[in-house]
Each structure stands twice: as structure tokens, then as C-alpha cells.
Amino acid sequence: MRTLQKIDYSSETEQLAKFAKALGHPVRLVILKHLSTQSCCYTGDLVEILPLAQSTISQHLKELKDAGLIQGEVNPPKIRYCIDKENWDKAKHMFAELFKEDFNKISCC
């Protein structure tokens, strides 16, 4: 029987994977594009532009927030969301570095 070994990834690699996972759903991309056009919005604002239940939108906002791409400020009973500019810049830099890799120098099959 084969045992699984834990791989120790760098914190940068884990952070990039977290950003990539958060960006890996079309609804989250629409949310980010919407947030990029204004200083902030509330969940209810997104319910008006996306044909989804508020609970579904809230789950997508949670994923983006957990990844650090957006921030949420609680103003009971609402939460106001905006882009986390520091982490957004970090994500852009990390993806740019990844896409600079020259995978053409590797021959395949």
C-alpha cells in the first residue's frame, strides 16, 4: 500500500494557488469586475445584477474574501465589499511572474 507524503510548498506558491482558486469561477470574475468599477458595493447590489440567490452570491463573496482579494466591512445589517488593493496588486505581480516562465524550452512527449 502506498502512503501519501505531504509536500511542503512555499508560502508564495500556496498564496498563488489560493488566488487562482478564488479566480476560478466565472461568477467571482463578474463580481471582481463589478467591484473594479466602483469604490464598494453591498451583497444586495450584486443580487440585482446577477441572476443568483443571495446565499449563492454570499458564498462567492466569502471565497474572494478568504483569498484576500476583497475586503468586507460590516455595517449591520449589511456588509460592504471592496477590492483589497494591496492583495490585488500582490496577485497581479505573482501571476505576472508565473506567466513569465518559458515553458517552450521544455519538450513534451
PDB file of N, CA and C in Angstrom:
ATOM      1  N   MET A   1       0.842  -1.181   0.000  1.00  0.00           N
ATOM      2  CA  MET A   1       0.000   0.000   0.000  1.00  0.00           C
ATOM      3  C   MET A   1       0.886   1.243   0.000  1.00  0.00           C
ATOM      4  N   ARG A   2       0.541   2.184  -0.809  1.00  0.00           N
ATOM      5  CA  ARG A   2       1.328   3.403  -0.970  1.00  0.00           C
ATOM      6  C   ARG A   2       0.840   4.470   0.007  1.00  0.00           C
ATOM      7  N   THR A   3       1.759   5.102   0.702  1.00  0.00           N
ATOM      8  CA  THR A   3       1.369   6.170   1.621  1.00  0.00           C
ATOM      9  C   THR A   3       1.579   7.520   0.947  1.00  0.00           C
ATOM     10  N   LEU A   4       0.694   8.430   1.250  1.00  0.00           N
ATOM     11  CA  LEU A   4       0.796   9.770   0.689  1.00  0.00           C
ATOM     12  C   LEU A   4       1.755  10.603   1.524  1.00  0.00           C
ATOM     13  N   GLN A   5       2.600  11.335   0.837  1.00  0.00           N
ATOM     14  CA  GLN A   5       3.537  12.206   1.525  1.00  0.00           C
ATOM     15  C   GLN A   5       3.074  13.646   1.375  1.00  0.00           C
ATOM     16  N   LYS A   6       3.256  14.401   2.430  1.00  0.00           N
ATOM     17  CA  LYS A   6       2.897  15.815   2.386  1.00  0.00           C
ATOM     18  C   LYS A   6       4.032  16.577   1.703  1.00  0.00           C
ATOM     19  N   ILE A   7       3.662  17.420   0.778  1.00  0.00           N
ATOM     20  CA  ILE A   7       4.633  18.249   0.078  1.00  0.00           C
ATOM     21  C   ILE A   7       4.630  19.619   0.734  1.00  0.00           C
ATOM     22  N   ASP A   8       5.803  20.103   1.058  1.00  0.00           N
ATOM     23  CA  ASP A   8       5.910  21.439   1.630  1.00  0.00           C
ATOM     24  C   ASP A   8       6.106  22.446   0.503  1.00  0.00           C
ATOM     25  N   TYR A   9       5.074  23.250   0.284  1.00  0.00           N
ATOM     26  CA  TYR A   9       5.137  24.290  -0.726  1.00  0.00           C
ATOM     27  C   TYR A   9       5.563  25.590  -0.060  1.00  0.00           C
ATOM     28  N   SER A  10       6.144  26.467  -0.844  1.00  0.00           N
ATOM     29  CA  SER A  10       6.497  27.779  -0.304  1.00  0.00           C
ATOM     30  C   SER A  10       5.205  28.540  -0.010  1.00  0.00           C
ATOM     31  N   SER A  11       5.277  29.489   0.888  1.00  0.00           N
ATOM     32  CA  SER A  11       4.087  30.284   1.211  1.00  0.00           C
ATOM     33  C   SER A  11       3.624  31.060  -0.021  1.00  0.00           C
ATOM     34  N   GLU A  12       4.566  31.451  -0.880  1.00  0.00           N
ATOM     35  CA  GLU A  12       4.202  32.165  -2.109  1.00  0.00           C
ATOM     36  C   GLU A  12       3.410  31.262  -3.052  1.00  0.00           C
ATOM     37  N   THR A  13       3.828  30.019  -3.188  1.00  0.00           N
ATOM     38  CA  THR A  13       3.121  29.066  -4.038  1.00  0.00           C
ATOM     39  C   THR A  13       1.720  28.811  -3.502  1.00  0.00           C
ATOM     40  N   GLU A  14       1.592  28.662  -2.190  1.00  0.00           N
ATOM     41  CA  GLU A  14       0.277  28.444  -1.591  1.00  0.00           C
ATOM     42  C   GLU A  14      -0.612  29.672  -1.778  1.00  0.00           C
ATOM     43  N   GLN A  15      -0.052  30.872  -1.653  1.00  0.00           N
ATOM     44  CA  GLN A  15      -0.831  32.092  -1.839  1.00  0.00           C
ATOM     45  C   GLN A  15      -1.307  32.213  -3.277  1.00  0.00           C
ATOM     46  N   LEU A  16      -0.432  31.920  -4.230  1.00  0.00           N
ATOM     47  CA  LEU A  16      -0.809  31.987  -5.641  1.00  0.00           C
ATOM     48  C   LEU A  16      -1.933  30.987  -5.940  1.00  0.00           C
ATOM     49  N   ALA A  17      -1.843  29.789  -5.380  1.00  0.00           N
ATOM     50  CA  ALA A  17      -2.893  28.786  -5.575  1.00  0.00           C
ATOM     51  C   ALA A  17      -4.219  29.257  -4.985  1.00  0.00           C
ATOM     52  N   LYS A  18      -4.168  29.934  -3.850  1.00  0.00           N
ATOM     53  CA  LYS A  18      -5.384  30.463  -3.219  1.00  0.00           C
ATOM     54  C   LYS A  18      -6.024  31.536  -4.100  1.00  0.00           C
ATOM     55  N   PHE A  19      -5.196  32.418  -4.664  1.00  0.00           N
ATOM     56  CA  PHE A  19      -5.706  33.429  -5.587  1.00  0.00           C
ATOM     57  C   PHE A  19      -6.318  32.751  -6.812  1.00  0.00           C
ATOM     58  N   ALA A  20      -5.618  31.767  -7.365  1.00  0.00           N
ATOM     59  CA  ALA A  20      -6.092  31.081  -8.572  1.00  0.00           C
ATOM     60  C   ALA A  20      -7.423  30.379  -8.320  1.00  0.00           C
ATOM     61  N   LYS A  21      -7.550  29.741  -7.183  1.00  0.00           N
ATOM     62  CA  LYS A  21      -8.805  29.054  -6.861  1.00  0.00           C
ATOM     63  C   LYS A  21      -9.950  30.057  -6.772  1.00  0.00           C
ATOM     64  N   ALA A  22      -9.706  31.187  -6.129  1.00  0.00           N
ATOM     65  CA  ALA A  22     -10.750  32.202  -5.997  1.00  0.00           C
ATOM     66  C   ALA A  22     -11.147  32.777  -7.351  1.00  0.00           C
ATOM     67  N   LEU A  23     -10.210  32.858  -8.270  1.00  0.00           N
ATOM     68  CA  LEU A  23     -10.486  33.401  -9.601  1.00  0.00           C
ATOM     69  C   LEU A  23     -11.045  32.349 -10.557  1.00  0.00           C
ATOM     70  N   GLY A  24     -11.153  31.118 -10.085  1.00  0.00           N
ATOM     71  CA  GLY A  24     -11.529  30.005 -10.945  1.00  0.00           C
ATOM     72  C   GLY A  24     -13.014  29.803 -11.166  1.00  0.00           C
ATOM     73  N   HIS A  25     -13.829  30.810 -10.902  1.00  0.00           N
ATOM     74  CA  HIS A  25     -15.263  30.686 -11.161  1.00  0.00           C
ATOM     75  C   HIS A  25     -15.755  31.947 -11.859  1.00  0.00           C
ATOM     76  N   PRO A  26     -16.541  31.797 -12.926  1.00  0.00           N
ATOM     77  CA  PRO A  26     -16.996  32.973 -13.686  1.00  0.00           C
ATOM     78  C   PRO A  26     -17.764  34.000 -12.849  1.00  0.00           C
ATOM     79  N   VAL A  27     -18.558  33.546 -11.889  1.00  0.00           N
ATOM     80  CA  VAL A  27     -19.315  34.493 -11.060  1.00  0.00           C
ATOM     81  C   VAL A  27     -18.361  35.378 -10.263  1.00  0.00           C
ATOM     82  N   ARG A  28     -17.293  34.799  -9.762  1.00  0.00           N
ATOM     83  CA  ARG A  28     -16.331  35.588  -8.980  1.00  0.00           C
ATOM     84  C   ARG A  28     -15.629  36.612  -9.858  1.00  0.00           C
ATOM     85  N   LEU A  29     -15.384  36.257 -11.110  1.00  0.00           N
ATOM     86  CA  LEU A  29     -14.777  37.223 -12.028  1.00  0.00           C
ATOM     87  C   LEU A  29     -15.735  38.379 -12.302  1.00  0.00           C
ATOM     88  N   VAL A  30     -17.021  38.070 -12.459  1.00  0.00           N
ATOM     89  CA  VAL A  30     -18.019  39.123 -12.669  1.00  0.00           C
ATOM     90  C   VAL A  30     -18.080  40.033 -11.440  1.00  0.00           C
ATOM     91  N   ILE A  31     -18.041  39.436 -10.254  1.00  0.00           N
ATOM     92  CA  ILE A  31     -18.065  40.229  -9.016  1.00  0.00           C
ATOM     93  C   ILE A  31     -16.854  41.155  -8.962  1.00  0.00           C
ATOM     94  N   LEU A  32     -15.683  40.627  -9.265  1.00  0.00           N
ATOM     95  CA  LEU A  32     -14.465  41.455  -9.234  1.00  0.00           C
ATOM     96  C   LEU A  32     -14.532  42.576 -10.269  1.00  0.00           C
ATOM     97  N   LYS A  33     -15.014  42.264 -11.462  1.00  0.00           N
ATOM     98  CA  LYS A  33     -15.141  43.302 -12.495  1.00  0.00           C
ATOM     99  C   LYS A  33     -16.110  44.386 -12.038  1.00  0.00           C
ATOM    100  N   HIS A  34     -17.201  43.978 -11.405  1.00  0.00           N
ATOM    101  CA  HIS A  34     -18.164  44.953 -10.901  1.00  0.00           C
ATOM    102  C   HIS A  34     -17.524  45.823  -9.816  1.00  0.00           C
ATOM    103  N   LEU A  35     -16.817  45.204  -8.892  1.00  0.00           N
ATOM    104  CA  LEU A  35     -16.161  45.960  -7.821  1.00  0.00           C
ATOM    105  C   LEU A  35     -15.077  46.889  -8.358  1.00  0.00           C
ATOM    106  N   SER A  36     -14.483  46.529  -9.481  1.00  0.00           N
ATOM    107  CA  SER A  36     -13.413  47.370 -10.036  1.00  0.00           C
ATOM    108  C   SER A  36     -13.951  48.668 -10.633  1.00  0.00           C
ATOM    109  N   THR A  37     -15.257  48.733 -10.839  1.00  0.00           N
ATOM    110  CA  THR A  37     -15.848  49.935 -11.437  1.00  0.00           C
ATOM    111  C   THR A  37     -16.390  50.909 -10.405  1.00  0.00           C
ATOM    112  N   GLN A  38     -16.316  50.532  -9.120  1.00  0.00           N
ATOM    113  CA  GLN A  38     -16.823  51.408  -8.076  1.00  0.00           C
ATOM    114  C   GLN A  38     -16.045  51.206  -6.792  1.00  0.00           C
ATOM    115  N   SER A  39     -16.220  52.100  -5.860  1.00  0.00           N
ATOM    116  CA  SER A  39     -15.439  52.024  -4.635  1.00  0.00           C
ATOM    117  C   SER A  39     -15.887  50.883  -3.733  1.00  0.00           C
ATOM    118  N   CYS A  40     -17.173  50.538  -3.785  1.00  0.00           N
ATOM    119  CA  CYS A  40     -17.673  49.447  -2.950  1.00  0.00           C
ATOM    120  C   CYS A  40     -19.067  49.050  -3.409  1.00  0.00           C
ATOM    121  N   CYS A  41     -19.571  47.942  -2.851  1.00  0.00           N
ATOM    122  CA  CYS A  41     -20.960  47.553  -3.088  1.00  0.00           C
ATOM    123  C   CYS A  41     -21.406  46.624  -1.970  1.00  0.00           C
ATOM    124  N   TYR A  42     -22.706  46.426  -1.905  1.00  0.00           N
ATOM    125  CA  TYR A  42     -23.306  45.528  -0.920  1.00  0.00           C
ATOM    126  C   TYR A  42     -23.800  44.272  -1.638  1.00  0.00           C
ATOM    127  N   THR A  43     -24.012  43.210  -0.865  1.00  0.00           N
ATOM    128  CA  THR A  43     -24.499  41.961  -1.448  1.00  0.00           C
ATOM    129  C   THR A  43     -25.770  42.199  -2.255  1.00  0.00           C
ATOM    130  N   GLY A  44     -26.666  43.023  -1.726  1.00  0.00           N
ATOM    131  CA  GLY A  44     -27.919  43.322  -2.422  1.00  0.00           C
ATOM    132  C   GLY A  44     -27.705  43.942  -3.789  1.00  0.00           C
ATOM    133  N   ASP A  45     -26.641  44.755  -3.929  1.00  0.00           N
ATOM    134  CA  ASP A  45     -26.328  45.338  -5.237  1.00  0.00           C
ATOM    135  C   ASP A  45     -26.003  44.246  -6.251  1.00  0.00           C
ATOM    136  N   LEU A  46     -25.290  43.230  -5.795  1.00  0.00           N
ATOM    137  CA  LEU A  46     -24.894  42.137  -6.687  1.00  0.00           C
ATOM    138  C   LEU A  46     -26.086  41.254  -7.048  1.00  0.00           C
ATOM    139  N   VAL A  47     -27.030  41.111  -6.117  1.00  0.00           N
ATOM    140  CA  VAL A  47     -28.239  40.326  -6.387  1.00  0.00           C
ATOM    141  C   VAL A  47     -29.025  40.961  -7.529  1.00  0.00           C
ATOM    142  N   GLU A  48     -28.945  42.284  -7.644  1.00  0.00           N
ATOM    143  CA  GLU A  48     -29.667  42.983  -8.711  1.00  0.00           C
ATOM    144  C   GLU A  48     -29.041  42.779 -10.089  1.00  0.00           C
ATOM    145  N   ILE A  49     -27.719  42.521 -10.139  1.00  0.00           N
ATOM    146  CA  ILE A  49     -27.080  42.368 -11.449  1.00  0.00           C
ATOM    147  C   ILE A  49     -26.782  40.916 -11.820  1.00  0.00           C
ATOM    148  N   LEU A  50     -26.797  40.020 -10.839  1.00  0.00           N
ATOM    149  CA  LEU A  50     -26.538  38.601 -11.107  1.00  0.00           C
ATOM    150  C   LEU A  50     -27.813  37.797 -10.853  1.00  0.00           C
ATOM    151  N   PRO A  51     -28.171  36.900 -11.765  1.00  0.00           N
ATOM    152  CA  PRO A  51     -29.397  36.118 -11.591  1.00  0.00           C
ATOM    153  C   PRO A  51     -29.193  34.927 -10.649  1.00  0.00           C
ATOM    154  N   LEU A  52     -28.738  35.234  -9.435  1.00  0.00           N
ATOM    155  CA  LEU A  52     -28.438  34.179  -8.463  1.00  0.00           C
ATOM    156  C   LEU A  52     -29.057  34.525  -7.116  1.00  0.00           C
ATOM    157  N   ALA A  53     -29.242  33.511  -6.297  1.00  0.00           N
ATOM    158  CA  ALA A  53     -29.757  33.728  -4.946  1.00  0.00           C
ATOM    159  C   ALA A  53     -28.722  34.479  -4.115  1.00  0.00           C
ATOM    160  N   GLN A  54     -29.200  35.232  -3.157  1.00  0.00           N
ATOM    161  CA  GLN A  54     -28.290  35.983  -2.292  1.00  0.00           C
ATOM    162  C   GLN A  54     -27.321  35.055  -1.575  1.00  0.00           C
ATOM    163  N   SER A  55     -27.789  33.869  -1.173  1.00  0.00           N
ATOM    164  CA  SER A  55     -26.914  32.927  -0.472  1.00  0.00           C
ATOM    165  C   SER A  55     -25.776  32.452  -1.379  1.00  0.00           C
ATOM    166  N   THR A  56     -26.068  32.281  -2.655  1.00  0.00           N
ATOM    167  CA  THR A  56     -25.027  31.862  -3.611  1.00  0.00           C
ATOM    168  C   THR A  56     -24.001  32.968  -3.794  1.00  0.00           C
ATOM    169  N   ILE A  57     -24.475  34.184  -3.948  1.00  0.00           N
ATOM    170  CA  ILE A  57     -23.563  35.325  -4.089  1.00  0.00           C
ATOM    171  C   ILE A  57     -22.722  35.476  -2.829  1.00  0.00           C
ATOM    172  N   SER A  58     -23.334  35.289  -1.675  1.00  0.00           N
ATOM    173  CA  SER A  58     -22.598  35.382  -0.411  1.00  0.00           C
ATOM    174  C   SER A  58     -21.473  34.343  -0.340  1.00  0.00           C
ATOM    175  N   GLN A  59     -21.734  33.144  -0.853  1.00  0.00           N
ATOM    176  CA  GLN A  59     -20.693  32.103  -0.865  1.00  0.00           C
ATOM    177  C   GLN A  59     -19.521  32.518  -1.759  1.00  0.00           C
ATOM    178  N   HIS A  60     -19.819  33.114  -2.902  1.00  0.00           N
ATOM    179  CA  HIS A  60     -18.755  33.571  -3.797  1.00  0.00           C
ATOM    180  C   HIS A  60     -17.978  34.732  -3.172  1.00  0.00           C
ATOM    181  N   LEU A  61     -18.680  35.625  -2.496  1.00  0.00           N
ATOM    182  CA  LEU A  61     -18.000  36.719  -1.798  1.00  0.00           C
ATOM    183  C   LEU A  61     -17.094  36.177  -0.700  1.00  0.00           C
ATOM    184  N   LYS A  62     -17.552  35.146  -0.013  1.00  0.00           N
ATOM    185  CA  LYS A  62     -16.743  34.519   1.048  1.00  0.00           C
ATOM    186  C   LYS A  62     -15.446  33.945   0.472  1.00  0.00           C
ATOM    187  N   GLU A  63     -15.539  33.284  -0.665  1.00  0.00           N
ATOM    188  CA  GLU A  63     -14.343  32.717  -1.308  1.00  0.00           C
ATOM    189  C   GLU A  63     -13.356  33.818  -1.680  1.00  0.00           C
ATOM    190  N   LEU A  64     -13.859  34.904  -2.254  1.00  0.00           N
ATOM    191  CA  LEU A  64     -12.986  36.019  -2.635  1.00  0.00           C
ATOM    192  C   LEU A  64     -12.371  36.680  -1.408  1.00  0.00           C
ATOM    193  N   LYS A  65     -13.159  36.790  -0.356  1.00  0.00           N
ATOM    194  CA  LYS A  65     -12.667  37.401   0.887  1.00  0.00           C
ATOM    195  C   LYS A  65     -11.633  36.495   1.553  1.00  0.00           C
ATOM    196  N   ASP A  66     -11.912  35.192   1.609  1.00  0.00           N
ATOM    197  CA  ASP A  66     -10.963  34.242   2.216  1.00  0.00           C
ATOM    198  C   ASP A  66      -9.627  34.243   1.482  1.00  0.00           C
ATOM    199  N   ALA A  67      -9.669  34.465   0.173  1.00  0.00           N
ATOM    200  CA  ALA A  67      -8.435  34.523  -0.615  1.00  0.00           C
ATOM    201  C   ALA A  67      -7.724  35.860  -0.445  1.00  0.00           C
ATOM    202  N   GLY A  68      -8.419  36.835   0.131  1.00  0.00           N
ATOM    203  CA  GLY A  68      -7.817  38.139   0.352  1.00  0.00           C
ATOM    204  C   GLY A  68      -7.969  39.108  -0.806  1.00  0.00           C
ATOM    205  N   LEU A  69      -8.766  38.743  -1.809  1.00  0.00           N
ATOM    206  CA  LEU A  69      -8.913  39.613  -2.968  1.00  0.00           C
ATOM    207  C   LEU A  69      -9.905  40.746  -2.737  1.00  0.00           C
ATOM    208  N   ILE A  70     -10.822  40.556  -1.796  1.00  0.00           N
ATOM    209  CA  ILE A  70     -11.749  41.618  -1.433  1.00  0.00           C
ATOM    210  C   ILE A  70     -11.781  41.775   0.080  1.00  0.00           C
ATOM    211  N   GLN A  71     -12.291  42.911   0.518  1.00  0.00           N
ATOM    212  CA  GLN A  71     -12.483  43.177   1.938  1.00  0.00           C
ATOM    213  C   GLN A  71     -13.964  43.375   2.184  1.00  0.00           C
ATOM    214  N   GLY A  72     -14.397  43.036   3.384  1.00  0.00           N
ATOM    215  CA  GLY A  72     -15.778  43.275   3.776  1.00  0.00           C
ATOM    216  C   GLY A  72     -15.817  44.080   5.054  1.00  0.00           C
ATOM    217  N   GLU A  73     -16.611  45.133   5.032  1.00  0.00           N
ATOM    218  CA  GLU A  73     -16.775  45.978   6.216  1.00  0.00           C
ATOM    219  C   GLU A  73     -18.213  45.843   6.696  1.00  0.00           C
ATOM    220  N   VAL A  74     -18.381  45.412   7.935  1.00  0.00           N
ATOM    221  CA  VAL A  74     -19.715  45.166   8.461  1.00  0.00           C
ATOM    222  C   VAL A  74     -20.352  46.477   8.902  1.00  0.00           C
ATOM    223  N   ASN A  75     -21.515  46.771   8.312  1.00  0.00           N
ATOM    224  CA  ASN A  75     -22.382  47.888   8.695  1.00  0.00           C
ATOM    225  C   ASN A  75     -23.756  47.278   8.915  1.00  0.00           C
ATOM    226  N   PRO A  76     -23.989  46.721  10.125  1.00  0.00           N
ATOM    227  CA  PRO A  76     -25.233  45.972  10.344  1.00  0.00           C
ATOM    228  C   PRO A  76     -26.446  46.702   9.795  1.00  0.00           C
ATOM    229  N   PRO A  77     -27.328  45.985   9.110  1.00  0.00           N
ATOM    230  CA  PRO A  77     -27.308  44.546   8.848  1.00  0.00           C
ATOM    231  C   PRO A  77     -26.609  44.177   7.547  1.00  0.00           C
ATOM    232  N   LYS A  78     -25.852  45.088   6.960  1.00  0.00           N
ATOM    233  CA  LYS A  78     -25.226  44.840   5.663  1.00  0.00           C
ATOM    234  C   LYS A  78     -23.712  44.730   5.787  1.00  0.00           C
ATOM    235  N   ILE A  79     -23.122  44.148   4.742  1.00  0.00           N
ATOM    236  CA  ILE A  79     -21.661  44.113   4.623  1.00  0.00           C
ATOM    237  C   ILE A  79     -21.296  44.801   3.313  1.00  0.00           C
ATOM    238  N   ARG A  80     -20.391  45.737   3.413  1.00  0.00           N
ATOM    239  CA  ARG A  80     -19.936  46.487   2.239  1.00  0.00           C
ATOM    240  C   ARG A  80     -18.625  45.863   1.761  1.00  0.00           C
ATOM    241  N   TYR A  81     -18.537  45.570   0.469  1.00  0.00           N
ATOM    242  CA  TYR A  81     -17.364  44.918  -0.101  1.00  0.00           C
ATOM    243  C   TYR A  81     -16.606  45.849  -1.035  1.00  0.00           C
ATOM    244  N   CYS A  82     -15.283  45.682  -1.051  1.00  0.00           N
ATOM    245  CA  CYS A  82     -14.438  46.414  -1.990  1.00  0.00           C
ATOM    246  C   CYS A  82     -13.207  45.566  -2.289  1.00  0.00           C
ATOM    247  N   ILE A  83     -12.507  45.924  -3.347  1.00  0.00           N
ATOM    248  CA  ILE A  83     -11.268  45.229  -3.717  1.00  0.00           C
ATOM    249  C   ILE A  83     -10.213  45.507  -2.654  1.00  0.00           C
ATOM    250  N   ASP A  84      -9.489  44.468  -2.248  1.00  0.00           N
ATOM    251  CA  ASP A  84      -8.330  44.659  -1.361  1.00  0.00           C
ATOM    252  C   ASP A  84      -7.160  45.009  -2.269  1.00  0.00           C
ATOM    253  N   LYS A  85      -6.876  46.286  -2.392  1.00  0.00           N
ATOM    254  CA  LYS A  85      -5.899  46.754  -3.377  1.00  0.00           C
ATOM    255  C   LYS A  85      -4.502  46.187  -3.145  1.00  0.00           C
ATOM    256  N   GLU A  86      -4.100  46.048  -1.912  1.00  0.00           N
ATOM    257  CA  GLU A  86      -2.768  45.513  -1.625  1.00  0.00           C
ATOM    258  C   GLU A  86      -2.637  44.068  -2.101  1.00  0.00           C
ATOM    259  N   ASN A  87      -3.624  43.249  -1.757  1.00  0.00           N
ATOM    260  CA  ASN A  87      -3.576  41.844  -2.195  1.00  0.00           C
ATOM    261  C   ASN A  87      -3.832  41.708  -3.688  1.00  0.00           C
ATOM    262  N   TRP A  88      -4.643  42.592  -4.261  1.00  0.00           N
ATOM    263  CA  TRP A  88      -4.871  42.551  -5.706  1.00  0.00           C
ATOM    264  C   TRP A  88      -3.562  42.821  -6.443  1.00  0.00           C
ATOM    265  N   ASP A  89      -2.810  43.820  -5.982  1.00  0.00           N
ATOM    266  CA  ASP A  89      -1.510  44.109  -6.593  1.00  0.00           C
ATOM    267  C   ASP A  89      -0.548  42.935  -6.419  1.00  0.00           C
ATOM    268  N   LYS A  90      -0.605  42.309  -5.260  1.00  0.00           N
ATOM    269  CA  LYS A  90       0.241  41.133  -4.997  1.00  0.00           C
ATOM    270  C   LYS A  90      -0.122  39.997  -5.958  1.00  0.00           C
ATOM    271  N   ALA A  91      -1.419  39.759  -6.145  1.00  0.00           N
ATOM    272  CA  ALA A  91      -1.867  38.696  -7.059  1.00  0.00           C
ATOM    273  C   ALA A  91      -1.418  38.999  -8.488  1.00  0.00           C
ATOM    274  N   LYS A  92      -1.578  40.253  -8.926  1.00  0.00           N
ATOM    275  CA  LYS A  92      -1.160  40.620 -10.287  1.00  0.00           C
ATOM    276  C   LYS A  92       0.337  40.360 -10.472  1.00  0.00           C
ATOM    277  N   HIS A  93       1.125  40.721  -9.493  1.00  0.00           N
ATOM    278  CA  HIS A  93       2.570  40.508  -9.576  1.00  0.00           C
ATOM    279  C   HIS A  93       2.899  39.013  -9.623  1.00  0.00           C
ATOM    280  N   MET A  94       2.260  38.236  -8.770  1.00  0.00           N
ATOM    281  CA  MET A  94       2.541  36.799  -8.711  1.00  0.00           C
ATOM    282  C   MET A  94       2.159  36.096 -10.014  1.00  0.00           C
ATOM    283  N   PHE A  95       1.001  36.447 -10.574  1.00  0.00           N
ATOM    284  CA  PHE A  95       0.596  35.847 -11.848  1.00  0.00           C
ATOM    285  C   PHE A  95       1.521  36.296 -12.975  1.00  0.00           C
ATOM    286  N   ALA A  96       1.932  37.549 -12.958  1.00  0.00           N
ATOM    287  CA  ALA A  96       2.854  38.042 -13.991  1.00  0.00           C
ATOM    288  C   ALA A  96       4.155  37.257 -13.949  1.00  0.00           C
ATOM    289  N   GLU A  97       4.656  36.987 -12.753  1.00  0.00           N
ATOM    290  CA  GLU A  97       5.894  36.204 -12.612  1.00  0.00           C
ATOM    291  C   GLU A  97       5.697  34.782 -13.132  1.00  0.00           C
ATOM    292  N   LEU A  98       4.559  34.188 -12.833  1.00  0.00           N
ATOM    293  CA  LEU A  98       4.276  32.831 -13.311  1.00  0.00           C
ATOM    294  C   LEU A  98       4.236  32.798 -14.834  1.00  0.00           C
ATOM    295  N   PHE A  99       3.573  33.778 -15.436  1.00  0.00           N
ATOM    296  CA  PHE A  99       3.424  33.791 -16.888  1.00  0.00           C
ATOM    297  C   PHE A  99       4.697  34.205 -17.618  1.00  0.00           C
ATOM    298  N   LYS A 100       5.691  34.661 -16.890  1.00  0.00           N
ATOM    299  CA  LYS A 100       6.994  34.948 -17.496  1.00  0.00           C
ATOM    300  C   LYS A 100       7.802  33.671 -17.728  1.00  0.00           C
ATOM    301  N   GLU A 101       7.399  32.590 -17.047  1.00  0.00           N
ATOM    302  CA  GLU A 101       8.120  31.321 -17.191  1.00  0.00           C
ATOM    303  C   GLU A 101       8.097  30.873 -18.655  1.00  0.00           C
ATOM    304  N   ASP A 102       9.210  30.387 -19.136  1.00  0.00           N
ATOM    305  CA  ASP A 102       9.312  29.952 -20.523  1.00  0.00           C
ATOM    306  C   ASP A 102       9.128  28.442 -20.605  1.00  0.00           C
ATOM    307  N   PHE A 103       7.885  28.029 -20.743  1.00  0.00           N
ATOM    308  CA  PHE A 103       7.600  26.600 -20.828  1.00  0.00           C
ATOM    309  C   PHE A 103       7.893  26.036 -22.222  1.00  0.00           C
ATOM    310  N   ASN A 104       8.179  26.896 -23.174  1.00  0.00           N
ATOM    311  CA  ASN A 104       8.502  26.432 -24.522  1.00  0.00           C
ATOM    312  C   ASN A 104       9.838  25.707 -24.572  1.00  0.00           C
ATOM    313  N   LYS A 105      10.706  25.969 -23.611  1.00  0.00           N
ATOM    314  CA  LYS A 105      12.018  25.325 -23.632  1.00  0.00           C
ATOM    315  C   LYS A 105      11.944  23.862 -23.193  1.00  0.00           C
ATOM    316  N   ILE A 106      10.778  23.448 -22.730  1.00  0.00           N
ATOM    317  CA  ILE A 106      10.594  22.077 -22.291  1.00  0.00           C
ATOM    318  C   ILE A 106       9.943  21.285 -23.419  1.00  0.00           C
ATOM    319  N   SER A 107      10.574  20.169 -23.802  1.00  0.00           N
ATOM    320  CA  SER A 107       9.951  19.353 -24.836  1.00  0.00           C
ATOM    321  C   SER A 107       9.010  18.366 -24.175  1.00  0.00           C
ATOM    322  N   CYS A 108       7.936  18.095 -24.862  1.00  0.00           N
ATOM    323  CA  CYS A 108       6.914  17.217 -24.300  1.00  0.00           C
ATOM    324  C   CYS A 108       6.622  16.086 -25.267  1.00  0.00           C
ATOM    325  N   CYS A 109       6.463  14.932 -24.732  1.00  0.00           N
ATOM    326  CA  CYS A 109       6.033  13.722 -25.452  1.00  0.00           C
ATOM    327  C   CYS A 109       6.519  13.724 -26.887  1.00  0.00           C
TER     328      CYS A 109
END
